[in-house]
Amino acid sequence: MWTIARTDLKQLFESKDFWVPMALLGLIFFLVVPAIILAIIVSVGNQAAVQQVSQALDLLPGSAKSAVPSITPDGMAVPPEAKVAYTIAVYLLSPVAVVVPLTVSSAVGASTIVGERERGTGEFLAHSPADTREIYLGKLIASLVPGYLTVLVGFGAYSILVNLLVGPKIGRWFFPTSSWWLLILIVIPPFIALALSLVLRLSARVRSTAAAQQATGLITLPLILIAYGQSTGGLIGANAIVFTLGLGAVVWVVALLSLVLGLRSIKRQQLLGVADNT
């Protein structure tokens, strides 16, 4: 299992035509876009447009409004542009931590099994001493690692960016919030595992990487929308921590069940491309 995972990760690292676009995708969503938006907001000052946007904060739920700081640690009032920047950073931009890792891991998983057949290595893998369980778990690990690494690196960089741009206006470093720590550690990992449990089964059944990637979009898009909506809803809801813990528990159960079913569905013949794919 570990040999299969290490081999796939090594091939992925050496495949610059894959990880360079994925790295650029993460760079754009985690750093470039947030930096432009937040820099504009915190630099415009007390303008009429910012004042109007800050008035819209009254439409947020009570728990979300109470979380937006109004007083700095030294007793100064937080300016309107800082409140707007805080709201955008916490409630609008940071859910990309759900979208980007799902996209990266799904792109890897889509070609992990069907790619073996296309490269001509599926027969070697099918006749190796590894059983189907070890092959499946090895492929799963190789697909999970890029997504989890994206979460750690990308969201870490985003957190530093937010604190550097908005933190001085608030008077302290504030991000990630407690709810976002729970989301990153408890909710995002099972969402990635759930998506991959479906993607790997799909990759074993289709006949080409292109077909796998096209069909993967149909699987991951609903999960991305659900994860994005639920993460945002959990962050601004009345009981954000309870909601996030409950959501994480439910998704973990569904993900583990889907992984078990996926493990049972993979056949050694599918690596050779001779299994019945109907």
C-alpha atoms as a PDB file:
ATOM      1  CA  MET A   1       0.000   0.000   0.000  1.00  0.00           C
ATOM      2  CA  TRP A   2       2.718   2.485   0.971  1.00  0.00           C
ATOM      3  CA  THR A   3       4.815   1.484  -2.048  1.00  0.00           C
ATOM      4  CA  ILE A   4       1.903   2.211  -4.388  1.00  0.00           C
ATOM      5  CA  ALA A   5       1.225   5.537  -2.666  1.00  0.00           C
ATOM      6  CA  ARG A   6       4.891   6.598  -2.774  1.00  0.00           C
ATOM      7  CA  THR A   7       5.193   5.623  -6.442  1.00  0.00           C
ATOM      8  CA  ASP A   8       2.111   7.617  -7.422  1.00  0.00           C
ATOM      9  CA  LEU A   9       3.218  10.662  -5.412  1.00  0.00           C
ATOM     10  CA  LYS A  10       6.684  10.526  -6.989  1.00  0.00           C
ATOM     11  CA  GLN A  11       5.169  10.378 -10.481  1.00  0.00           C
ATOM     12  CA  LEU A  12       2.860  13.263  -9.592  1.00  0.00           C
ATOM     13  CA  PHE A  13       5.751  15.376  -8.314  1.00  0.00           C
ATOM     14  CA  GLU A  14       7.680  14.736 -11.515  1.00  0.00           C
ATOM     15  CA  SER A  15       4.650  15.631 -13.659  1.00  0.00           C
ATOM     16  CA  LYS A  16       5.029  19.408 -13.871  1.00  0.00           C
ATOM     17  CA  ASP A  17       2.233  19.708 -16.412  1.00  0.00           C
ATOM     18  CA  PHE A  18      -0.139  18.674 -13.608  1.00  0.00           C
ATOM     19  CA  TRP A  19       1.075  20.211 -10.383  1.00  0.00           C
ATOM     20  CA  VAL A  20       2.151  23.563 -11.835  1.00  0.00           C
ATOM     21  CA  PRO A  21      -1.422  24.456 -12.960  1.00  0.00           C
ATOM     22  CA  MET A  22      -2.766  23.169  -9.635  1.00  0.00           C
ATOM     23  CA  ALA A  23      -0.235  25.304  -7.745  1.00  0.00           C
ATOM     24  CA  LEU A  24      -1.224  28.336  -9.800  1.00  0.00           C
ATOM     25  CA  LEU A  25      -4.883  27.621  -9.050  1.00  0.00           C
ATOM     26  CA  GLY A  26      -4.181  27.584  -5.333  1.00  0.00           C
ATOM     27  CA  LEU A  27      -2.025  30.700  -5.588  1.00  0.00           C
ATOM     28  CA  ILE A  28      -4.773  32.632  -7.343  1.00  0.00           C
ATOM     29  CA  PHE A  29      -7.579  31.644  -4.990  1.00  0.00           C
ATOM     30  CA  PHE A  30      -5.661  31.672  -1.710  1.00  0.00           C
ATOM     31  CA  LEU A  31      -3.425  34.713  -2.237  1.00  0.00           C
ATOM     32  CA  VAL A  32      -3.889  36.808  -5.374  1.00  0.00           C
ATOM     33  CA  VAL A  33      -7.666  37.362  -5.311  1.00  0.00           C
ATOM     34  CA  PRO A  34      -7.910  37.856  -1.506  1.00  0.00           C
ATOM     35  CA  ALA A  35      -4.901  40.200  -1.526  1.00  0.00           C
ATOM     36  CA  ILE A  36      -6.448  42.430  -4.193  1.00  0.00           C
ATOM     37  CA  ILE A  37      -9.894  42.564  -2.571  1.00  0.00           C
ATOM     38  CA  LEU A  38      -8.714  43.113   1.000  1.00  0.00           C
ATOM     39  CA  ALA A  39      -6.007  45.606   0.015  1.00  0.00           C
ATOM     40  CA  ILE A  40      -8.550  47.723  -1.827  1.00  0.00           C
ATOM     41  CA  ILE A  41     -10.978  47.702   1.100  1.00  0.00           C
ATOM     42  CA  VAL A  42      -8.484  48.526   3.847  1.00  0.00           C
ATOM     43  CA  SER A  43      -6.825  51.231   1.754  1.00  0.00           C
ATOM     44  CA  VAL A  44      -9.886  53.215   0.640  1.00  0.00           C
ATOM     45  CA  GLY A  45     -10.522  54.442   4.171  1.00  0.00           C
ATOM     46  CA  ASN A  46     -13.777  55.918   5.405  1.00  0.00           C
ATOM     47  CA  GLN A  47     -15.409  56.334   1.998  1.00  0.00           C
ATOM     48  CA  ALA A  48     -19.123  56.438   1.308  1.00  0.00           C
ATOM     49  CA  ALA A  49     -19.063  53.084  -0.489  1.00  0.00           C
ATOM     50  CA  VAL A  50     -17.436  51.369   2.484  1.00  0.00           C
ATOM     51  CA  GLN A  51     -19.928  53.030   4.811  1.00  0.00           C
ATOM     52  CA  GLN A  52     -22.805  51.632   2.790  1.00  0.00           C
ATOM     53  CA  VAL A  53     -21.283  48.157   2.763  1.00  0.00           C
ATOM     54  CA  SER A  54     -20.655  48.334   6.515  1.00  0.00           C
ATOM     55  CA  GLN A  55     -24.342  49.109   7.048  1.00  0.00           C
ATOM     56  CA  ALA A  56     -25.145  45.839   5.289  1.00  0.00           C
ATOM     57  CA  LEU A  57     -23.435  44.011   8.154  1.00  0.00           C
ATOM     58  CA  ASP A  58     -26.613  44.594  10.131  1.00  0.00           C
ATOM     59  CA  LEU A  59     -28.236  41.927   7.943  1.00  0.00           C
ATOM     60  CA  LEU A  60     -25.922  39.217   9.301  1.00  0.00           C
ATOM     61  CA  PRO A  61     -27.170  36.834  12.001  1.00  0.00           C
ATOM     62  CA  GLY A  62     -26.653  37.956  15.563  1.00  0.00           C
ATOM     63  CA  SER A  63     -23.765  35.561  16.230  1.00  0.00           C
ATOM     64  CA  ALA A  64     -21.932  36.770  13.128  1.00  0.00           C
ATOM     65  CA  LYS A  65     -22.438  40.437  13.989  1.00  0.00           C
ATOM     66  CA  SER A  66     -21.211  39.890  17.517  1.00  0.00           C
ATOM     67  CA  ALA A  67     -18.077  38.197  16.160  1.00  0.00           C
ATOM     68  CA  VAL A  68     -17.110  41.259  14.112  1.00  0.00           C
ATOM     69  CA  PRO A  69     -14.831  43.293  16.423  1.00  0.00           C
ATOM     70  CA  SER A  70     -15.887  46.846  17.214  1.00  0.00           C
ATOM     71  CA  ILE A  71     -13.174  47.783  19.719  1.00  0.00           C
ATOM     72  CA  THR A  72      -9.420  47.208  19.394  1.00  0.00           C
ATOM     73  CA  PRO A  73      -7.434  45.797  22.354  1.00  0.00           C
ATOM     74  CA  ASP A  74      -6.221  49.318  23.209  1.00  0.00           C
ATOM     75  CA  GLY A  75      -9.773  50.669  23.398  1.00  0.00           C
ATOM     76  CA  MET A  76      -9.973  52.354  19.983  1.00  0.00           C
ATOM     77  CA  ALA A  77     -13.012  51.986  17.721  1.00  0.00           C
ATOM     78  CA  VAL A  78     -12.555  49.637  14.776  1.00  0.00           C
ATOM     79  CA  PRO A  79     -13.042  51.616  11.525  1.00  0.00           C
ATOM     80  CA  PRO A  80     -15.845  50.601   9.132  1.00  0.00           C
ATOM     81  CA  GLU A  81     -13.445  49.429   6.423  1.00  0.00           C
ATOM     82  CA  ALA A  82     -11.832  47.034   8.904  1.00  0.00           C
ATOM     83  CA  LYS A  83     -15.224  45.541   9.800  1.00  0.00           C
ATOM     84  CA  VAL A  84     -15.998  45.022   6.129  1.00  0.00           C
ATOM     85  CA  ALA A  85     -12.594  43.452   5.504  1.00  0.00           C
ATOM     86  CA  TYR A  86     -13.044  41.174   8.537  1.00  0.00           C
ATOM     87  CA  THR A  87     -16.445  39.991   7.289  1.00  0.00           C
ATOM     88  CA  ILE A  88     -15.189  39.330   3.769  1.00  0.00           C
ATOM     89  CA  ALA A  89     -12.087  37.484   5.010  1.00  0.00           C
ATOM     90  CA  VAL A  90     -13.964  35.253   7.451  1.00  0.00           C
ATOM     91  CA  TYR A  91     -17.312  34.650   5.745  1.00  0.00           C
ATOM     92  CA  LEU A  92     -16.841  35.151   1.998  1.00  0.00           C
ATOM     93  CA  LEU A  93     -13.292  34.360   0.861  1.00  0.00           C
ATOM     94  CA  SER A  94     -12.099  31.659   3.204  1.00  0.00           C
ATOM     95  CA  PRO A  95     -14.511  28.929   1.980  1.00  0.00           C
ATOM     96  CA  VAL A  96     -12.104  28.497  -0.945  1.00  0.00           C
ATOM     97  CA  ALA A  97     -10.327  26.227   1.550  1.00  0.00           C
ATOM     98  CA  VAL A  98     -13.120  23.769   0.739  1.00  0.00           C
ATOM     99  CA  VAL A  99     -13.215  24.208  -3.013  1.00  0.00           C
ATOM    100  CA  VAL A 100      -9.537  24.127  -3.993  1.00  0.00           C
ATOM    101  CA  PRO A 101      -8.494  20.957  -2.072  1.00  0.00           C
ATOM    102  CA  LEU A 102     -11.507  19.067  -3.430  1.00  0.00           C
ATOM    103  CA  THR A 103     -10.560  20.125  -6.943  1.00  0.00           C
ATOM    104  CA  VAL A 104      -6.917  19.099  -6.539  1.00  0.00           C
ATOM    105  CA  SER A 105      -7.567  15.685  -4.965  1.00  0.00           C
ATOM    106  CA  SER A 106     -10.346  14.873  -7.429  1.00  0.00           C
ATOM    107  CA  ALA A 107      -8.098  15.710 -10.371  1.00  0.00           C
ATOM    108  CA  VAL A 108      -5.473  13.297  -9.021  1.00  0.00           C
ATOM    109  CA  GLY A 109      -7.980  10.564  -8.205  1.00  0.00           C
ATOM    110  CA  ALA A 110      -9.689  10.743 -11.583  1.00  0.00           C
ATOM    111  CA  SER A 111      -6.637   9.370 -13.405  1.00  0.00           C
ATOM    112  CA  THR A 112      -5.132   7.196 -10.698  1.00  0.00           C
ATOM    113  CA  ILE A 113      -6.600   3.852 -11.852  1.00  0.00           C
ATOM    114  CA  VAL A 114      -7.591   4.413 -15.461  1.00  0.00           C
ATOM    115  CA  GLY A 115      -4.211   6.085 -15.913  1.00  0.00           C
ATOM    116  CA  GLU A 116      -2.501   2.794 -15.085  1.00  0.00           C
ATOM    117  CA  ARG A 117      -4.200   1.171 -18.051  1.00  0.00           C
ATOM    118  CA  GLU A 118      -3.366   4.035 -20.369  1.00  0.00           C
ATOM    119  CA  ARG A 119       0.317   3.969 -19.335  1.00  0.00           C
ATOM    120  CA  GLY A 120       0.455   0.193 -19.773  1.00  0.00           C
ATOM    121  CA  THR A 121       1.311  -0.407 -16.106  1.00  0.00           C
ATOM    122  CA  GLY A 122      -2.125  -1.712 -15.098  1.00  0.00           C
ATOM    123  CA  GLU A 123      -1.241  -5.301 -15.963  1.00  0.00           C
ATOM    124  CA  PHE A 124       1.923  -5.136 -13.871  1.00  0.00           C
ATOM    125  CA  LEU A 125      -0.034  -3.741 -10.921  1.00  0.00           C
ATOM    126  CA  ALA A 126      -2.837  -6.275 -11.322  1.00  0.00           C
ATOM    127  CA  HIS A 127      -0.340  -9.173 -11.158  1.00  0.00           C
ATOM    128  CA  SER A 128       1.685  -7.693  -8.297  1.00  0.00           C
ATOM    129  CA  PRO A 129       1.629  -9.255  -4.805  1.00  0.00           C
ATOM    130  CA  ALA A 130      -0.561  -6.374  -3.594  1.00  0.00           C
ATOM    131  CA  ASP A 131      -4.203  -7.301  -3.157  1.00  0.00           C
ATOM    132  CA  THR A 132      -7.085  -5.081  -4.250  1.00  0.00           C
ATOM    133  CA  ARG A 133      -7.411  -3.606  -0.758  1.00  0.00           C
ATOM    134  CA  GLU A 134      -3.781  -2.484  -0.741  1.00  0.00           C
ATOM    135  CA  ILE A 135      -4.050  -1.113  -4.277  1.00  0.00           C
ATOM    136  CA  TYR A 136      -7.202   0.832  -3.453  1.00  0.00           C
ATOM    137  CA  LEU A 137      -5.821   2.275  -0.220  1.00  0.00           C
ATOM    138  CA  GLY A 138      -2.516   3.141  -1.879  1.00  0.00           C
ATOM    139  CA  LYS A 139      -4.323   5.025  -4.624  1.00  0.00           C
ATOM    140  CA  LEU A 140      -6.528   6.690  -2.019  1.00  0.00           C
ATOM    141  CA  ILE A 141      -3.552   7.917   0.020  1.00  0.00           C
ATOM    142  CA  ALA A 142      -1.811   9.218  -3.102  1.00  0.00           C
ATOM    143  CA  SER A 143      -4.946  11.220  -3.940  1.00  0.00           C
ATOM    144  CA  LEU A 144      -5.573  12.461  -0.395  1.00  0.00           C
ATOM    145  CA  VAL A 145      -2.084  13.827   0.222  1.00  0.00           C
ATOM    146  CA  PRO A 146      -2.194  16.586  -2.454  1.00  0.00           C
ATOM    147  CA  GLY A 147      -5.574  17.794  -1.210  1.00  0.00           C
ATOM    148  CA  TYR A 148      -4.585  17.844   2.461  1.00  0.00           C
ATOM    149  CA  LEU A 149      -1.271  19.489   1.585  1.00  0.00           C
ATOM    150  CA  THR A 150      -3.202  22.160  -0.301  1.00  0.00           C
ATOM    151  CA  VAL A 151      -5.286  22.806   2.820  1.00  0.00           C
ATOM    152  CA  LEU A 152      -2.242  23.169   5.066  1.00  0.00           C
ATOM    153  CA  VAL A 153      -0.121  25.301   2.741  1.00  0.00           C
ATOM    154  CA  GLY A 154      -2.851  27.298   1.030  1.00  0.00           C
ATOM    155  CA  PHE A 155      -4.970  28.082   4.051  1.00  0.00           C
ATOM    156  CA  GLY A 156      -1.880  28.784   6.117  1.00  0.00           C
ATOM    157  CA  ALA A 157      -0.731  31.323   3.540  1.00  0.00           C
ATOM    158  CA  TYR A 158      -4.236  32.796   3.397  1.00  0.00           C
ATOM    159  CA  SER A 159      -4.309  33.154   7.182  1.00  0.00           C
ATOM    160  CA  ILE A 160      -0.996  35.025   7.207  1.00  0.00           C
ATOM    161  CA  LEU A 161      -2.192  37.292   4.393  1.00  0.00           C
ATOM    162  CA  VAL A 162      -5.443  38.125   6.188  1.00  0.00           C
ATOM    163  CA  ASN A 163      -3.690  38.865   9.465  1.00  0.00           C
ATOM    164  CA  LEU A 164      -1.089  41.065   7.776  1.00  0.00           C
ATOM    165  CA  LEU A 165      -3.660  43.107   5.841  1.00  0.00           C
ATOM    166  CA  VAL A 166      -6.593  43.269   8.251  1.00  0.00           C
ATOM    167  CA  GLY A 167      -4.927  42.493  11.592  1.00  0.00           C
ATOM    168  CA  PRO A 168      -3.390  45.981  12.051  1.00  0.00           C
ATOM    169  CA  LYS A 169      -6.832  47.552  11.572  1.00  0.00           C
ATOM    170  CA  ILE A 170      -8.370  45.214  14.139  1.00  0.00           C
ATOM    171  CA  GLY A 171      -5.473  45.603  16.536  1.00  0.00           C
ATOM    172  CA  ARG A 172      -4.588  41.904  16.651  1.00  0.00           C
ATOM    173  CA  TRP A 173      -4.161  38.767  14.592  1.00  0.00           C
ATOM    174  CA  PHE A 174      -7.556  37.059  14.537  1.00  0.00           C
ATOM    175  CA  PHE A 175      -7.579  34.419  11.793  1.00  0.00           C
ATOM    176  CA  PRO A 176      -8.311  31.492  11.727  1.00  0.00           C
ATOM    177  CA  THR A 177     -11.264  31.788  14.087  1.00  0.00           C
ATOM    178  CA  SER A 178     -12.294  28.884  16.326  1.00  0.00           C
ATOM    179  CA  SER A 179     -15.009  27.823  13.882  1.00  0.00           C
ATOM    180  CA  TRP A 180     -12.534  27.777  11.026  1.00  0.00           C
ATOM    181  CA  TRP A 181     -10.104  25.624  12.999  1.00  0.00           C
ATOM    182  CA  LEU A 182     -12.903  23.087  13.423  1.00  0.00           C
ATOM    183  CA  LEU A 183     -13.817  23.317   9.749  1.00  0.00           C
ATOM    184  CA  ILE A 184     -10.240  22.783   8.592  1.00  0.00           C
ATOM    185  CA  LEU A 185      -9.539  19.898  10.977  1.00  0.00           C
ATOM    186  CA  ILE A 186     -12.909  18.129  11.101  1.00  0.00           C
ATOM    187  CA  VAL A 187     -15.095  18.976   8.084  1.00  0.00           C
ATOM    188  CA  ILE A 188     -12.790  19.368   5.071  1.00  0.00           C
ATOM    189  CA  PRO A 189     -10.914  16.019   5.461  1.00  0.00           C
ATOM    190  CA  PRO A 190     -14.060  13.835   5.260  1.00  0.00           C
ATOM    191  CA  PHE A 191     -15.429  15.865   2.344  1.00  0.00           C
ATOM    192  CA  ILE A 192     -12.219  15.134   0.425  1.00  0.00           C
ATOM    193  CA  ALA A 193     -12.370  11.455   1.414  1.00  0.00           C
ATOM    194  CA  LEU A 194     -16.025  11.228   0.346  1.00  0.00           C
ATOM    195  CA  ALA A 195     -15.288  12.766  -3.046  1.00  0.00           C
ATOM    196  CA  LEU A 196     -12.333  10.438  -3.619  1.00  0.00           C
ATOM    197  CA  SER A 197     -14.299   7.352  -2.622  1.00  0.00           C
ATOM    198  CA  LEU A 198     -16.618   8.115  -5.544  1.00  0.00           C
ATOM    199  CA  VAL A 199     -13.926   9.313  -7.938  1.00  0.00           C
ATOM    200  CA  LEU A 200     -11.752   6.201  -7.503  1.00  0.00           C
ATOM    201  CA  ARG A 201     -14.690   3.921  -8.249  1.00  0.00           C
ATOM    202  CA  LEU A 202     -15.398   5.978 -11.347  1.00  0.00           C
ATOM    203  CA  SER A 203     -11.746   5.877 -12.414  1.00  0.00           C
ATOM    204  CA  ALA A 204     -11.807   2.086 -12.257  1.00  0.00           C
ATOM    205  CA  ARG A 205     -14.830   1.847 -14.542  1.00  0.00           C
ATOM    206  CA  VAL A 206     -14.200   4.329 -17.371  1.00  0.00           C
ATOM    207  CA  ARG A 207     -11.913   3.641 -20.306  1.00  0.00           C
ATOM    208  CA  SER A 208      -9.945   6.889 -20.522  1.00  0.00           C
ATOM    209  CA  THR A 209      -8.583   9.639 -18.294  1.00  0.00           C
ATOM    210  CA  ALA A 210     -10.525  12.246 -20.256  1.00  0.00           C
ATOM    211  CA  ALA A 211     -13.793  10.435 -19.568  1.00  0.00           C
ATOM    212  CA  ALA A 212     -12.880  10.118 -15.890  1.00  0.00           C
ATOM    213  CA  GLN A 213     -12.134  13.820 -15.572  1.00  0.00           C
ATOM    214  CA  GLN A 214     -15.360  14.810 -17.291  1.00  0.00           C
ATOM    215  CA  ALA A 215     -17.471  12.534 -15.127  1.00  0.00           C
ATOM    216  CA  THR A 216     -15.592  13.581 -11.986  1.00  0.00           C
ATOM    217  CA  GLY A 217     -16.924  17.102 -12.395  1.00  0.00           C
ATOM    218  CA  LEU A 218     -20.464  15.744 -12.085  1.00  0.00           C
ATOM    219  CA  ILE A 219     -19.505  14.121  -8.772  1.00  0.00           C
ATOM    220  CA  THR A 220     -17.395  16.826  -7.200  1.00  0.00           C
ATOM    221  CA  LEU A 221     -19.452  19.874  -8.185  1.00  0.00           C
ATOM    222  CA  PRO A 222     -22.413  18.969  -5.935  1.00  0.00           C
ATOM    223  CA  LEU A 223     -19.999  18.135  -3.099  1.00  0.00           C
ATOM    224  CA  ILE A 224     -18.201  21.458  -3.577  1.00  0.00           C
ATOM    225  CA  LEU A 225     -21.500  23.344  -3.468  1.00  0.00           C
ATOM    226  CA  ILE A 226     -22.614  21.445  -0.375  1.00  0.00           C
ATOM    227  CA  ALA A 227     -19.279  21.912   1.375  1.00  0.00           C
ATOM    228  CA  TYR A 228     -19.145  25.606   0.488  1.00  0.00           C
ATOM    229  CA  GLY A 229     -22.727  26.246   1.569  1.00  0.00           C
ATOM    230  CA  GLN A 230     -22.484  24.245   4.764  1.00  0.00           C
ATOM    231  CA  SER A 231     -19.147  25.778   5.754  1.00  0.00           C
ATOM    232  CA  THR A 232     -20.501  29.288   5.274  1.00  0.00           C
ATOM    233  CA  GLY A 233     -23.742  28.404   7.016  1.00  0.00           C
ATOM    234  CA  GLY A 234     -21.868  26.880   9.914  1.00  0.00           C
ATOM    235  CA  LEU A 235     -19.672  29.933  10.306  1.00  0.00           C
ATOM    236  CA  ILE A 236     -22.502  32.435  10.462  1.00  0.00           C
ATOM    237  CA  GLY A 237     -25.115  30.294  12.195  1.00  0.00           C
ATOM    238  CA  ALA A 238     -26.303  30.751  15.732  1.00  0.00           C
ATOM    239  CA  ASN A 239     -24.443  27.668  16.991  1.00  0.00           C
ATOM    240  CA  ALA A 240     -21.435  27.590  14.692  1.00  0.00           C
ATOM    241  CA  ILE A 241     -19.281  25.240  16.757  1.00  0.00           C
ATOM    242  CA  VAL A 242     -22.092  22.742  17.394  1.00  0.00           C
ATOM    243  CA  PHE A 243     -23.101  22.896  13.738  1.00  0.00           C
ATOM    244  CA  THR A 244     -19.538  22.309  12.547  1.00  0.00           C
ATOM    245  CA  LEU A 245     -18.986  19.373  14.892  1.00  0.00           C
ATOM    246  CA  GLY A 246     -22.288  17.801  13.850  1.00  0.00           C
ATOM    247  CA  LEU A 247     -21.560  18.309  10.173  1.00  0.00           C
ATOM    248  CA  GLY A 248     -18.101  16.804  10.555  1.00  0.00           C
ATOM    249  CA  ALA A 249     -19.470  13.727  12.327  1.00  0.00           C
ATOM    250  CA  VAL A 250     -22.131  13.129   9.668  1.00  0.00           C
ATOM    251  CA  VAL A 251     -19.722  13.554   6.757  1.00  0.00           C
ATOM    252  CA  TRP A 252     -17.155  11.263   8.400  1.00  0.00           C
ATOM    253  CA  VAL A 253     -19.757   8.499   8.732  1.00  0.00           C
ATOM    254  CA  VAL A 254     -20.876   8.893   5.118  1.00  0.00           C
ATOM    255  CA  ALA A 255     -17.274   9.063   3.880  1.00  0.00           C
ATOM    256  CA  LEU A 256     -16.198   5.908   5.753  1.00  0.00           C
ATOM    257  CA  LEU A 257     -19.247   4.030   4.488  1.00  0.00           C
ATOM    258  CA  SER A 258     -18.539   5.133   0.937  1.00  0.00           C
ATOM    259  CA  LEU A 259     -14.876   4.139   1.264  1.00  0.00           C
ATOM    260  CA  VAL A 260     -15.844   0.643   2.446  1.00  0.00           C
ATOM    261  CA  LEU A 261     -18.269   0.231  -0.456  1.00  0.00           C
ATOM    262  CA  GLY A 262     -15.644   1.528  -2.846  1.00  0.00           C
ATOM    263  CA  LEU A 263     -13.075  -0.923  -1.505  1.00  0.00           C
ATOM    264  CA  ARG A 264     -15.430  -3.802  -2.175  1.00  0.00           C
ATOM    265  CA  SER A 265     -16.299  -2.615  -5.663  1.00  0.00           C
ATOM    266  CA  ILE A 266     -12.743  -2.480  -7.042  1.00  0.00           C
ATOM    267  CA  LYS A 267     -11.793  -5.612  -9.002  1.00  0.00           C
ATOM    268  CA  ARG A 268      -8.305  -6.650 -10.028  1.00  0.00           C
ATOM    269  CA  GLN A 269      -9.533  -7.133 -13.599  1.00  0.00           C
ATOM    270  CA  GLN A 270     -10.415  -3.444 -13.831  1.00  0.00           C
ATOM    271  CA  LEU A 271      -6.714  -2.602 -13.736  1.00  0.00           C
ATOM    272  CA  LEU A 272      -6.304  -4.722 -16.844  1.00  0.00           C
ATOM    273  CA  GLY A 273      -9.274  -3.077 -18.553  1.00  0.00           C
ATOM    274  CA  VAL A 274     -11.106  -6.356 -19.017  1.00  0.00           C
ATOM    275  CA  ALA A 275     -13.761  -5.994 -16.331  1.00  0.00           C
ATOM    276  CA  ASP A 276     -17.396  -5.488 -17.170  1.00  0.00           C
ATOM    277  CA  ASN A 277     -17.875  -1.692 -16.933  1.00  0.00           C
ATOM    278  CA  THR A 278     -21.581  -1.668 -17.649  1.00  0.00           C
END
